[in-house]
Amino acid sequence: MVPVMSPIRITAAGERIVEPIIALAHCSKLARIIVTGANSAEAVIDLHRLGYARAATTLNCGLPAGQYDVVLLDGRQRSIKAIETTLDWVADFLSLTGVLIVWLDPLQPATGRRPLRTVLESHGFRIEAGTVHERGSAVAARRRELKPISKVA
């Protein structure tokens, strides 16, 4: 008789980060999610493992056309200025009713010369919620005004 081993479920460190972010975004398994940042590939693998099959990185997402329900901007190990620069172009991927999640290091202040709130507001977003986790903190923001995205011919 051959012994049969039951599968062992190992929770990856990334899943412990992704789960509070998904809870903050209030998204379903059918939501289109785009991830940007240094660990975006790992985050997408974790999202796929959790059943979010429509998650992608900015490397394989196509042209920005407001087609994503959630933008996860991984701002860990990045300055507020770098987050702002990323936000300049990644916001175009977000649908008008979509949610932007910005994840920060646990010790990284959301303030500095220019606080994260000010950066988000200058890009037309308002913070709706936030969470603190042992691996960092995150804020959820939505567009203040629902203006249609102008399409380039």
C-alpha atoms as a PDB file:
ATOM      1  CA  MET A   1       0.000   0.000   0.000  1.00  0.00           C
ATOM      2  CA  VAL A   2       1.286   3.424  -0.947  1.00  0.00           C
ATOM      3  CA  PRO A   3       0.908   6.044   1.762  1.00  0.00           C
ATOM      4  CA  VAL A   4      -1.125   9.028   0.661  1.00  0.00           C
ATOM      5  CA  MET A   5      -0.146  12.419   1.962  1.00  0.00           C
ATOM      6  CA  SER A   6      -2.731  15.096   2.384  1.00  0.00           C
ATOM      7  CA  PRO A   7      -1.869  18.433   0.793  1.00  0.00           C
ATOM      8  CA  ILE A   8      -0.365  20.993   3.102  1.00  0.00           C
ATOM      9  CA  ARG A   9      -1.705  24.533   2.747  1.00  0.00           C
ATOM     10  CA  ILE A  10       1.115  27.020   3.150  1.00  0.00           C
ATOM     11  CA  THR A  11       0.076  30.641   3.322  1.00  0.00           C
ATOM     12  CA  ALA A  12       2.549  32.753   1.418  1.00  0.00           C
ATOM     13  CA  ALA A  13       3.681  36.029   2.946  1.00  0.00           C
ATOM     14  CA  GLY A  14       2.230  37.839  -0.058  1.00  0.00           C
ATOM     15  CA  GLU A  15      -1.223  36.402   0.565  1.00  0.00           C
ATOM     16  CA  ARG A  16      -1.163  37.913   4.034  1.00  0.00           C
ATOM     17  CA  ILE A  17      -0.603  41.271   2.354  1.00  0.00           C
ATOM     18  CA  VAL A  18      -3.075  40.785  -0.502  1.00  0.00           C
ATOM     19  CA  GLU A  19      -5.992  39.675   1.664  1.00  0.00           C
ATOM     20  CA  PRO A  20      -6.344  42.944   3.654  1.00  0.00           C
ATOM     21  CA  ILE A  21      -5.971  44.911   0.427  1.00  0.00           C
ATOM     22  CA  ILE A  22      -8.779  42.942  -1.230  1.00  0.00           C
ATOM     23  CA  ALA A  23     -10.940  43.494   1.850  1.00  0.00           C
ATOM     24  CA  LEU A  24     -10.204  47.223   1.687  1.00  0.00           C
ATOM     25  CA  ALA A  25     -11.110  47.351  -2.020  1.00  0.00           C
ATOM     26  CA  HIS A  26     -14.387  45.415  -1.493  1.00  0.00           C
ATOM     27  CA  CYS A  27     -13.940  43.676  -4.825  1.00  0.00           C
ATOM     28  CA  SER A  28     -15.339  40.424  -6.127  1.00  0.00           C
ATOM     29  CA  LYS A  29     -13.426  37.574  -7.723  1.00  0.00           C
ATOM     30  CA  LEU A  30     -14.613  38.921 -11.110  1.00  0.00           C
ATOM     31  CA  ALA A  31     -13.041  42.367 -10.624  1.00  0.00           C
ATOM     32  CA  ARG A  32     -10.350  43.470 -13.032  1.00  0.00           C
ATOM     33  CA  ILE A  33      -7.294  44.304 -10.919  1.00  0.00           C
ATOM     34  CA  ILE A  34      -4.054  45.877 -12.084  1.00  0.00           C
ATOM     35  CA  VAL A  35      -0.971  45.817  -9.864  1.00  0.00           C
ATOM     36  CA  THR A  36       2.035  48.087 -10.160  1.00  0.00           C
ATOM     37  CA  GLY A  37       5.190  48.202  -8.070  1.00  0.00           C
ATOM     38  CA  ALA A  38       8.354  46.273  -7.329  1.00  0.00           C
ATOM     39  CA  ASN A  39       6.516  43.130  -6.193  1.00  0.00           C
ATOM     40  CA  SER A  40       3.666  43.276  -8.702  1.00  0.00           C
ATOM     41  CA  ALA A  41       4.332  39.865 -10.278  1.00  0.00           C
ATOM     42  CA  GLU A  42       4.262  38.154  -6.881  1.00  0.00           C
ATOM     43  CA  ALA A  43       1.093  40.010  -5.912  1.00  0.00           C
ATOM     44  CA  VAL A  44      -0.642  38.896  -9.126  1.00  0.00           C
ATOM     45  CA  ILE A  45       0.379  35.281  -8.465  1.00  0.00           C
ATOM     46  CA  ASP A  46      -1.064  35.582  -4.953  1.00  0.00           C
ATOM     47  CA  LEU A  47      -4.264  37.116  -6.347  1.00  0.00           C
ATOM     48  CA  HIS A  48      -4.593  34.292  -8.875  1.00  0.00           C
ATOM     49  CA  ARG A  49      -4.014  31.752  -6.094  1.00  0.00           C
ATOM     50  CA  LEU A  50      -6.868  33.368  -4.144  1.00  0.00           C
ATOM     51  CA  GLY A  51      -9.203  33.152  -7.168  1.00  0.00           C
ATOM     52  CA  TYR A  52      -8.847  36.650  -8.685  1.00  0.00           C
ATOM     53  CA  ALA A  53      -8.209  35.431 -12.226  1.00  0.00           C
ATOM     54  CA  ARG A  54      -8.558  38.876 -13.842  1.00  0.00           C
ATOM     55  CA  ALA A  55      -5.526  40.374 -12.084  1.00  0.00           C
ATOM     56  CA  ALA A  56      -2.638  41.671 -14.190  1.00  0.00           C
ATOM     57  CA  THR A  57       0.532  43.699 -13.876  1.00  0.00           C
ATOM     58  CA  THR A  58       1.254  46.862 -15.804  1.00  0.00           C
ATOM     59  CA  LEU A  59       3.599  44.788 -17.981  1.00  0.00           C
ATOM     60  CA  ASN A  60       0.766  42.760 -19.535  1.00  0.00           C
ATOM     61  CA  CYS A  61      -2.340  44.918 -19.218  1.00  0.00           C
ATOM     62  CA  GLY A  62      -2.621  46.705 -22.551  1.00  0.00           C
ATOM     63  CA  LEU A  63      -3.179  50.395 -23.115  1.00  0.00           C
ATOM     64  CA  PRO A  64      -4.891  52.493 -20.437  1.00  0.00           C
ATOM     65  CA  ALA A  65      -8.589  52.934 -21.145  1.00  0.00           C
ATOM     66  CA  GLY A  66     -10.246  53.003 -17.740  1.00  0.00           C
ATOM     67  CA  GLN A  67     -10.791  49.262 -17.925  1.00  0.00           C
ATOM     68  CA  TYR A  68      -9.780  48.204 -14.386  1.00  0.00           C
ATOM     69  CA  ASP A  69     -11.957  48.099 -11.271  1.00  0.00           C
ATOM     70  CA  VAL A  70      -9.019  48.181  -8.863  1.00  0.00           C
ATOM     71  CA  VAL A  71      -5.541  49.651  -9.145  1.00  0.00           C
ATOM     72  CA  LEU A  72      -3.130  48.361  -6.524  1.00  0.00           C
ATOM     73  CA  LEU A  73      -0.155  50.697  -6.318  1.00  0.00           C
ATOM     74  CA  ASP A  74       2.529  49.004  -4.236  1.00  0.00           C
ATOM     75  CA  GLY A  75       4.354  51.987  -2.765  1.00  0.00           C
ATOM     76  CA  ARG A  76       6.526  49.995  -0.396  1.00  0.00           C
ATOM     77  CA  GLN A  77      10.172  50.995  -0.528  1.00  0.00           C
ATOM     78  CA  ARG A  78       9.249  54.022  -2.646  1.00  0.00           C
ATOM     79  CA  SER A  79       9.158  57.723  -1.876  1.00  0.00           C
ATOM     80  CA  ILE A  80       5.967  59.769  -1.993  1.00  0.00           C
ATOM     81  CA  LYS A  81       7.394  61.459  -5.113  1.00  0.00           C
ATOM     82  CA  ALA A  82       7.845  58.071  -6.818  1.00  0.00           C
ATOM     83  CA  ILE A  83       4.282  57.130  -5.847  1.00  0.00           C
ATOM     84  CA  GLU A  84       3.047  60.400  -7.339  1.00  0.00           C
ATOM     85  CA  THR A  85       4.940  59.759 -10.577  1.00  0.00           C
ATOM     86  CA  THR A  86       3.407  56.287 -10.854  1.00  0.00           C
ATOM     87  CA  LEU A  87      -0.040  57.678 -10.084  1.00  0.00           C
ATOM     88  CA  ASP A  88       0.339  60.136 -12.985  1.00  0.00           C
ATOM     89  CA  TRP A  89       0.035  57.326 -15.526  1.00  0.00           C
ATOM     90  CA  VAL A  90      -1.579  54.395 -13.681  1.00  0.00           C
ATOM     91  CA  ALA A  91      -4.761  56.389 -12.886  1.00  0.00           C
ATOM     92  CA  ASP A  92      -5.718  56.155 -16.576  1.00  0.00           C
ATOM     93  CA  PHE A  93      -6.215  52.386 -16.157  1.00  0.00           C
ATOM     94  CA  LEU A  94      -8.836  52.899 -13.439  1.00  0.00           C
ATOM     95  CA  SER A  95     -12.531  52.973 -14.306  1.00  0.00           C
ATOM     96  CA  LEU A  96     -14.566  55.995 -13.246  1.00  0.00           C
ATOM     97  CA  THR A  97     -16.079  54.079 -10.327  1.00  0.00           C
ATOM     98  CA  GLY A  98     -12.965  52.044  -9.535  1.00  0.00           C
ATOM     99  CA  VAL A  99     -10.882  52.099  -6.375  1.00  0.00           C
ATOM    100  CA  LEU A 100      -7.211  52.958  -6.006  1.00  0.00           C
ATOM    101  CA  ILE A 101      -5.306  51.158  -3.249  1.00  0.00           C
ATOM    102  CA  VAL A 102      -1.919  52.546  -2.197  1.00  0.00           C
ATOM    103  CA  TRP A 103       0.146  50.211  -0.007  1.00  0.00           C
ATOM    104  CA  LEU A 104       2.973  51.680   2.108  1.00  0.00           C
ATOM    105  CA  ASP A 105       5.759  50.221   4.258  1.00  0.00           C
ATOM    106  CA  PRO A 106       4.932  49.807   7.939  1.00  0.00           C
ATOM    107  CA  LEU A 107       7.478  52.430   8.953  1.00  0.00           C
ATOM    108  CA  GLN A 108       7.062  54.667   5.914  1.00  0.00           C
ATOM    109  CA  PRO A 109       5.249  57.827   6.856  1.00  0.00           C
ATOM    110  CA  ALA A 110       2.329  58.798   4.642  1.00  0.00           C
ATOM    111  CA  THR A 111       3.564  62.317   5.176  1.00  0.00           C
ATOM    112  CA  GLY A 112       6.767  64.060   4.317  1.00  0.00           C
ATOM    113  CA  ARG A 113       7.318  67.114   2.255  1.00  0.00           C
ATOM    114  CA  ARG A 114       4.070  66.304   0.516  1.00  0.00           C
ATOM    115  CA  PRO A 115       1.610  64.026   2.319  1.00  0.00           C
ATOM    116  CA  LEU A 116       0.001  61.128   0.465  1.00  0.00           C
ATOM    117  CA  ARG A 117      -3.458  62.667   1.014  1.00  0.00           C
ATOM    118  CA  THR A 118      -2.350  65.828  -0.821  1.00  0.00           C
ATOM    119  CA  VAL A 119      -0.888  63.781  -3.681  1.00  0.00           C
ATOM    120  CA  LEU A 120      -4.108  61.798  -4.067  1.00  0.00           C
ATOM    121  CA  GLU A 121      -6.278  64.917  -3.888  1.00  0.00           C
ATOM    122  CA  SER A 122      -4.145  66.669  -6.509  1.00  0.00           C
ATOM    123  CA  HIS A 123      -4.892  63.738  -8.841  1.00  0.00           C
ATOM    124  CA  GLY A 124      -8.642  63.958  -8.223  1.00  0.00           C
ATOM    125  CA  PHE A 125      -8.962  61.213  -5.593  1.00  0.00           C
ATOM    126  CA  ARG A 126     -10.409  61.236  -2.092  1.00  0.00           C
ATOM    127  CA  ILE A 127      -9.429  58.756   0.610  1.00  0.00           C
ATOM    128  CA  GLU A 128     -12.365  56.612   1.726  1.00  0.00           C
ATOM    129  CA  ALA A 129     -10.765  54.082   4.061  1.00  0.00           C
ATOM    130  CA  GLY A 130      -7.502  52.755   5.349  1.00  0.00           C
ATOM    131  CA  THR A 131      -6.004  49.775   7.124  1.00  0.00           C
ATOM    132  CA  VAL A 132      -2.898  49.063   9.165  1.00  0.00           C
ATOM    133  CA  HIS A 133      -1.225  45.668   8.984  1.00  0.00           C
ATOM    134  CA  GLU A 134       2.020  44.314  10.418  1.00  0.00           C
ATOM    135  CA  ARG A 135       3.452  44.414   6.891  1.00  0.00           C
ATOM    136  CA  GLY A 136       2.340  47.956   6.115  1.00  0.00           C
ATOM    137  CA  SER A 137      -0.612  50.236   5.740  1.00  0.00           C
ATOM    138  CA  ALA A 138      -2.952  50.927   2.860  1.00  0.00           C
ATOM    139  CA  VAL A 139      -5.494  53.527   1.841  1.00  0.00           C
ATOM    140  CA  ALA A 140      -8.430  53.174  -0.526  1.00  0.00           C
ATOM    141  CA  ALA A 141      -9.300  56.185  -2.651  1.00  0.00           C
ATOM    142  CA  ARG A 142     -11.889  56.935  -5.333  1.00  0.00           C
ATOM    143  CA  ARG A 143     -12.260  59.709  -7.856  1.00  0.00           C
ATOM    144  CA  ARG A 144     -13.895  62.831  -6.438  1.00  0.00           C
ATOM    145  CA  GLU A 145     -15.737  63.657  -9.647  1.00  0.00           C
ATOM    146  CA  LEU A 146     -16.959  61.234 -12.231  1.00  0.00           C
ATOM    147  CA  LYS A 147     -15.740  62.864 -15.419  1.00  0.00           C
ATOM    148  CA  PRO A 148     -15.489  60.755 -18.538  1.00  0.00           C
ATOM    149  CA  ILE A 149     -12.000  59.936 -19.694  1.00  0.00           C
ATOM    150  CA  SER A 150     -11.256  61.651 -22.994  1.00  0.00           C
ATOM    151  CA  LYS A 151     -10.427  59.157 -25.698  1.00  0.00           C
ATOM    152  CA  VAL A 152      -7.661  59.740 -28.145  1.00  0.00           C
ATOM    153  CA  ALA A 153      -8.510  59.001 -31.747  1.00  0.00           C
END
